[in-house]
Amino acid sequence: MSQLFVYLYNKFNKMKKIKKDELSKLVELNTNFRELKFQLADIEVTFNRLNSQKVSTLANIETAAYDLSLYQDKIVEQYGDIKVNLQTGEYN
């Protein structure tokens, strides 16, 4: 091979590089950006799961309130309008 060919080959086919410190900073910033995106995705998944739990809990509260109301009505029918100590069962 001629020296001219080797020179031209190296000149046109050799990849140019940024400085090592620039590459290091670029990698650092890119890594930070990707980690923040993953954190956001995790937050979003957790938020959606908690939102589903909230909807389910609200439905359970409605059911519990209905059940409590029915049972309170039963107690009122049997004992009248009383106040019950929920720790001892005593009423007045």
N, C-alpha and C. Protein backbone atom coordinates (compact mmCIF):
# COMPACT_ATOMS: atom_id res chain seq x y z
N MET A 1 0.83 -1.18 0.00
CA MET A 1 0.00 0.00 0.00
C MET A 1 0.88 1.25 0.00
N SER A 2 0.41 2.19 -0.69
CA SER A 2 1.16 3.45 -0.71
C SER A 2 0.87 4.23 0.55
N GLN A 3 1.79 5.06 0.91
CA GLN A 3 1.63 5.89 2.10
C GLN A 3 0.47 6.87 1.93
N LEU A 4 0.28 7.32 0.72
CA LEU A 4 -0.83 8.23 0.45
C LEU A 4 -2.16 7.54 0.69
N PHE A 5 -2.26 6.29 0.26
CA PHE A 5 -3.49 5.54 0.47
C PHE A 5 -3.75 5.34 1.97
N VAL A 6 -2.75 4.96 2.71
CA VAL A 6 -2.88 4.76 4.15
C VAL A 6 -3.28 6.07 4.82
N TYR A 7 -2.64 7.15 4.44
CA TYR A 7 -2.95 8.46 5.00
C TYR A 7 -4.41 8.83 4.72
N LEU A 8 -4.83 8.69 3.45
CA LEU A 8 -6.21 9.04 3.09
C LEU A 8 -7.22 8.11 3.75
N TYR A 9 -6.88 6.85 3.82
CA TYR A 9 -7.77 5.89 4.48
C TYR A 9 -7.96 6.27 5.95
N ASN A 10 -6.89 6.52 6.64
CA ASN A 10 -6.97 6.90 8.06
C ASN A 10 -7.70 8.23 8.24
N LYS A 11 -7.45 9.15 7.35
CA LYS A 11 -8.06 10.47 7.47
C LYS A 11 -9.58 10.40 7.31
N PHE A 12 -10.06 9.63 6.35
CA PHE A 12 -11.48 9.59 6.05
C PHE A 12 -12.24 8.53 6.83
N ASN A 13 -11.59 7.53 7.30
CA ASN A 13 -12.28 6.44 7.99
C ASN A 13 -12.10 6.45 9.50
N LYS A 14 -11.22 7.27 9.97
CA LYS A 14 -11.00 7.33 11.41
C LYS A 14 -12.07 8.24 12.02
N MET A 15 -12.71 7.72 13.01
CA MET A 15 -13.76 8.48 13.68
C MET A 15 -13.12 9.58 14.52
N LYS A 16 -13.74 10.71 14.49
CA LYS A 16 -13.28 11.83 15.31
C LYS A 16 -13.88 11.65 16.69
N LYS A 17 -13.20 12.12 17.71
CA LYS A 17 -13.65 11.96 19.08
C LYS A 17 -13.67 13.30 19.79
N ILE A 18 -14.61 13.40 20.73
CA ILE A 18 -14.59 14.56 21.62
C ILE A 18 -13.59 14.28 22.73
N LYS A 19 -13.24 15.28 23.48
CA LYS A 19 -12.27 15.12 24.57
C LYS A 19 -12.84 14.18 25.63
N LYS A 20 -11.93 13.50 26.34
CA LYS A 20 -12.35 12.54 27.36
C LYS A 20 -13.19 13.19 28.45
N ASP A 21 -12.79 14.38 28.90
CA ASP A 21 -13.55 15.06 29.95
C ASP A 21 -14.93 15.47 29.45
N GLU A 22 -15.03 15.83 28.17
CA GLU A 22 -16.33 16.17 27.59
C GLU A 22 -17.22 14.92 27.50
N LEU A 23 -16.61 13.81 27.09
CA LEU A 23 -17.35 12.55 27.02
C LEU A 23 -17.83 12.13 28.41
N SER A 24 -16.95 12.27 29.38
CA SER A 24 -17.30 11.91 30.75
C SER A 24 -18.49 12.74 31.25
N LYS A 25 -18.44 14.03 30.99
CA LYS A 25 -19.52 14.92 31.42
C LYS A 25 -20.81 14.58 30.68
N LEU A 26 -20.71 14.30 29.39
CA LEU A 26 -21.88 13.93 28.59
C LEU A 26 -22.51 12.64 29.10
N VAL A 27 -21.70 11.66 29.42
CA VAL A 27 -22.20 10.39 29.96
C VAL A 27 -22.84 10.62 31.31
N GLU A 28 -22.22 11.42 32.15
CA GLU A 28 -22.77 11.73 33.48
C GLU A 28 -24.15 12.39 33.37
N LEU A 29 -24.26 13.39 32.52
CA LEU A 29 -25.53 14.10 32.37
C LEU A 29 -26.60 13.20 31.76
N ASN A 30 -26.21 12.38 30.80
CA ASN A 30 -27.15 11.46 30.18
C ASN A 30 -27.64 10.42 31.18
N THR A 31 -26.73 9.91 32.00
CA THR A 31 -27.09 8.93 33.04
C THR A 31 -28.06 9.55 34.04
N ASN A 32 -27.78 10.77 34.46
CA ASN A 32 -28.67 11.47 35.39
C ASN A 32 -30.06 11.65 34.78
N PHE A 33 -30.10 12.07 33.52
CA PHE A 33 -31.37 12.26 32.82
C PHE A 33 -32.16 10.96 32.76
N ARG A 34 -31.50 9.86 32.40
CA ARG A 34 -32.17 8.56 32.31
C ARG A 34 -32.68 8.10 33.67
N GLU A 35 -31.88 8.29 34.72
CA GLU A 35 -32.30 7.90 36.07
C GLU A 35 -33.54 8.68 36.50
N LEU A 36 -33.58 9.97 36.17
CA LEU A 36 -34.74 10.79 36.51
C LEU A 36 -35.98 10.32 35.75
N LYS A 37 -35.82 9.93 34.51
CA LYS A 37 -36.96 9.40 33.74
C LYS A 37 -37.47 8.11 34.37
N PHE A 38 -36.55 7.24 34.80
CA PHE A 38 -36.96 6.00 35.46
C PHE A 38 -37.68 6.29 36.78
N GLN A 39 -37.17 7.28 37.53
CA GLN A 39 -37.84 7.67 38.78
C GLN A 39 -39.25 8.16 38.50
N LEU A 40 -39.39 8.96 37.46
CA LEU A 40 -40.71 9.47 37.10
C LEU A 40 -41.65 8.33 36.72
N ALA A 41 -41.14 7.37 35.97
CA ALA A 41 -41.96 6.21 35.59
C ALA A 41 -42.38 5.43 36.83
N ASP A 42 -41.46 5.22 37.77
CA ASP A 42 -41.79 4.52 39.02
C ASP A 42 -42.85 5.28 39.81
N ILE A 43 -42.71 6.60 39.87
CA ILE A 43 -43.69 7.44 40.59
C ILE A 43 -45.05 7.30 39.93
N GLU A 44 -45.08 7.34 38.62
CA GLU A 44 -46.34 7.24 37.89
C GLU A 44 -47.02 5.89 38.13
N VAL A 45 -46.24 4.82 38.11
CA VAL A 45 -46.80 3.48 38.37
C VAL A 45 -47.34 3.42 39.80
N THR A 46 -46.57 3.93 40.75
CA THR A 46 -47.02 3.94 42.14
C THR A 46 -48.27 4.79 42.30
N PHE A 47 -48.30 5.95 41.65
CA PHE A 47 -49.45 6.83 41.71
C PHE A 47 -50.71 6.13 41.18
N ASN A 48 -50.57 5.45 40.05
CA ASN A 48 -51.72 4.73 39.48
C ASN A 48 -52.19 3.60 40.38
N ARG A 49 -51.24 2.88 40.98
CA ARG A 49 -51.60 1.80 41.90
C ARG A 49 -52.31 2.37 43.13
N LEU A 50 -51.79 3.48 43.67
CA LEU A 50 -52.43 4.10 44.83
C LEU A 50 -53.80 4.66 44.47
N ASN A 51 -53.93 5.18 43.28
CA ASN A 51 -55.22 5.69 42.84
C ASN A 51 -56.25 4.55 42.76
N SER A 52 -55.81 3.39 42.26
CA SER A 52 -56.70 2.22 42.22
C SER A 52 -57.09 1.79 43.63
N GLN A 53 -56.11 1.80 44.54
CA GLN A 53 -56.41 1.45 45.93
C GLN A 53 -57.38 2.45 46.54
N LYS A 54 -57.22 3.72 46.20
CA LYS A 54 -58.11 4.76 46.71
C LYS A 54 -59.54 4.51 46.26
N VAL A 55 -59.72 4.21 44.98
CA VAL A 55 -61.05 3.94 44.45
C VAL A 55 -61.67 2.73 45.16
N SER A 56 -60.88 1.69 45.33
CA SER A 56 -61.35 0.49 46.01
C SER A 56 -61.71 0.78 47.47
N THR A 57 -60.85 1.55 48.14
CA THR A 57 -61.11 1.90 49.54
C THR A 57 -62.35 2.75 49.68
N LEU A 58 -62.55 3.69 48.77
CA LEU A 58 -63.76 4.52 48.81
C LEU A 58 -65.01 3.65 48.66
N ALA A 59 -64.95 2.68 47.77
CA ALA A 59 -66.08 1.76 47.61
C ALA A 59 -66.30 0.96 48.89
N ASN A 60 -65.22 0.50 49.51
CA ASN A 60 -65.33 -0.25 50.77
C ASN A 60 -65.88 0.62 51.89
N ILE A 61 -65.51 1.90 51.91
CA ILE A 61 -66.04 2.83 52.92
C ILE A 61 -67.55 2.97 52.75
N GLU A 62 -67.99 3.10 51.51
CA GLU A 62 -69.43 3.21 51.25
C GLU A 62 -70.17 1.97 51.77
N THR A 63 -69.62 0.80 51.50
CA THR A 63 -70.23 -0.44 51.97
C THR A 63 -70.23 -0.51 53.49
N ALA A 64 -69.09 -0.13 54.09
CA ALA A 64 -68.99 -0.16 55.56
C ALA A 64 -69.96 0.83 56.19
N ALA A 65 -70.09 2.01 55.61
CA ALA A 65 -71.02 3.02 56.13
C ALA A 65 -72.46 2.51 56.04
N TYR A 66 -72.80 1.85 54.95
CA TYR A 66 -74.14 1.30 54.78
C TYR A 66 -74.40 0.21 55.82
N ASP A 67 -73.43 -0.71 55.97
CA ASP A 67 -73.57 -1.79 56.96
C ASP A 67 -73.70 -1.23 58.37
N LEU A 68 -72.89 -0.23 58.71
CA LEU A 68 -72.95 0.39 60.03
C LEU A 68 -74.31 1.05 60.25
N SER A 69 -74.77 1.76 59.27
CA SER A 69 -76.06 2.44 59.38
C SER A 69 -77.20 1.43 59.60
N LEU A 70 -77.18 0.34 58.85
CA LEU A 70 -78.21 -0.70 59.03
C LEU A 70 -78.17 -1.28 60.44
N TYR A 71 -76.97 -1.55 60.93
CA TYR A 71 -76.85 -2.15 62.26
C TYR A 71 -77.22 -1.15 63.35
N GLN A 72 -76.85 0.12 63.16
CA GLN A 72 -77.24 1.14 64.12
C GLN A 72 -78.77 1.26 64.18
N ASP A 73 -79.42 1.20 63.03
CA ASP A 73 -80.88 1.23 63.00
C ASP A 73 -81.47 0.07 63.77
N LYS A 74 -80.86 -1.11 63.65
CA LYS A 74 -81.32 -2.30 64.37
C LYS A 74 -81.19 -2.10 65.88
N ILE A 75 -80.07 -1.52 66.32
CA ILE A 75 -79.85 -1.25 67.75
C ILE A 75 -80.87 -0.22 68.25
N VAL A 76 -81.12 0.82 67.45
CA VAL A 76 -82.10 1.85 67.83
C VAL A 76 -83.48 1.23 67.96
N GLU A 77 -83.85 0.33 67.07
CA GLU A 77 -85.16 -0.34 67.16
C GLU A 77 -85.28 -1.14 68.45
N GLN A 78 -84.18 -1.77 68.84
CA GLN A 78 -84.21 -2.63 70.02
C GLN A 78 -84.08 -1.84 71.32
N TYR A 79 -83.23 -0.79 71.36
CA TYR A 79 -82.94 -0.10 72.61
C TYR A 79 -83.40 1.36 72.62
N GLY A 80 -83.81 1.88 71.51
CA GLY A 80 -84.14 3.29 71.42
C GLY A 80 -82.90 4.10 71.04
N ASP A 81 -83.06 5.43 71.04
CA ASP A 81 -81.96 6.32 70.65
C ASP A 81 -81.00 6.46 71.82
N ILE A 82 -79.95 5.63 71.83
CA ILE A 82 -79.00 5.58 72.95
C ILE A 82 -77.60 5.89 72.45
N LYS A 83 -76.71 6.12 73.40
CA LYS A 83 -75.28 6.24 73.10
C LYS A 83 -74.60 5.04 73.75
N VAL A 84 -73.80 4.34 72.93
CA VAL A 84 -73.15 3.11 73.40
C VAL A 84 -71.65 3.36 73.54
N ASN A 85 -71.10 2.95 74.68
CA ASN A 85 -69.65 2.95 74.87
C ASN A 85 -69.12 1.74 74.11
N LEU A 86 -68.37 1.98 73.05
CA LEU A 86 -67.90 0.89 72.19
C LEU A 86 -66.83 0.01 72.84
N GLN A 87 -66.30 0.43 73.97
CA GLN A 87 -65.32 -0.39 74.67
C GLN A 87 -65.97 -1.32 75.68
N THR A 88 -67.04 -0.84 76.31
CA THR A 88 -67.65 -1.65 77.38
C THR A 88 -69.03 -2.20 76.99
N GLY A 89 -69.69 -1.58 76.03
CA GLY A 89 -71.04 -2.00 75.66
C GLY A 89 -72.11 -1.31 76.51
N GLU A 90 -71.68 -0.51 77.48
CA GLU A 90 -72.65 0.19 78.31
C GLU A 90 -73.32 1.29 77.49
N TYR A 91 -74.55 1.61 77.84
CA TYR A 91 -75.26 2.68 77.12
C TYR A 91 -76.05 3.51 78.11
N ASN A 92 -76.46 4.70 77.63
CA ASN A 92 -77.29 5.57 78.45
C ASN A 92 -78.39 6.17 77.61
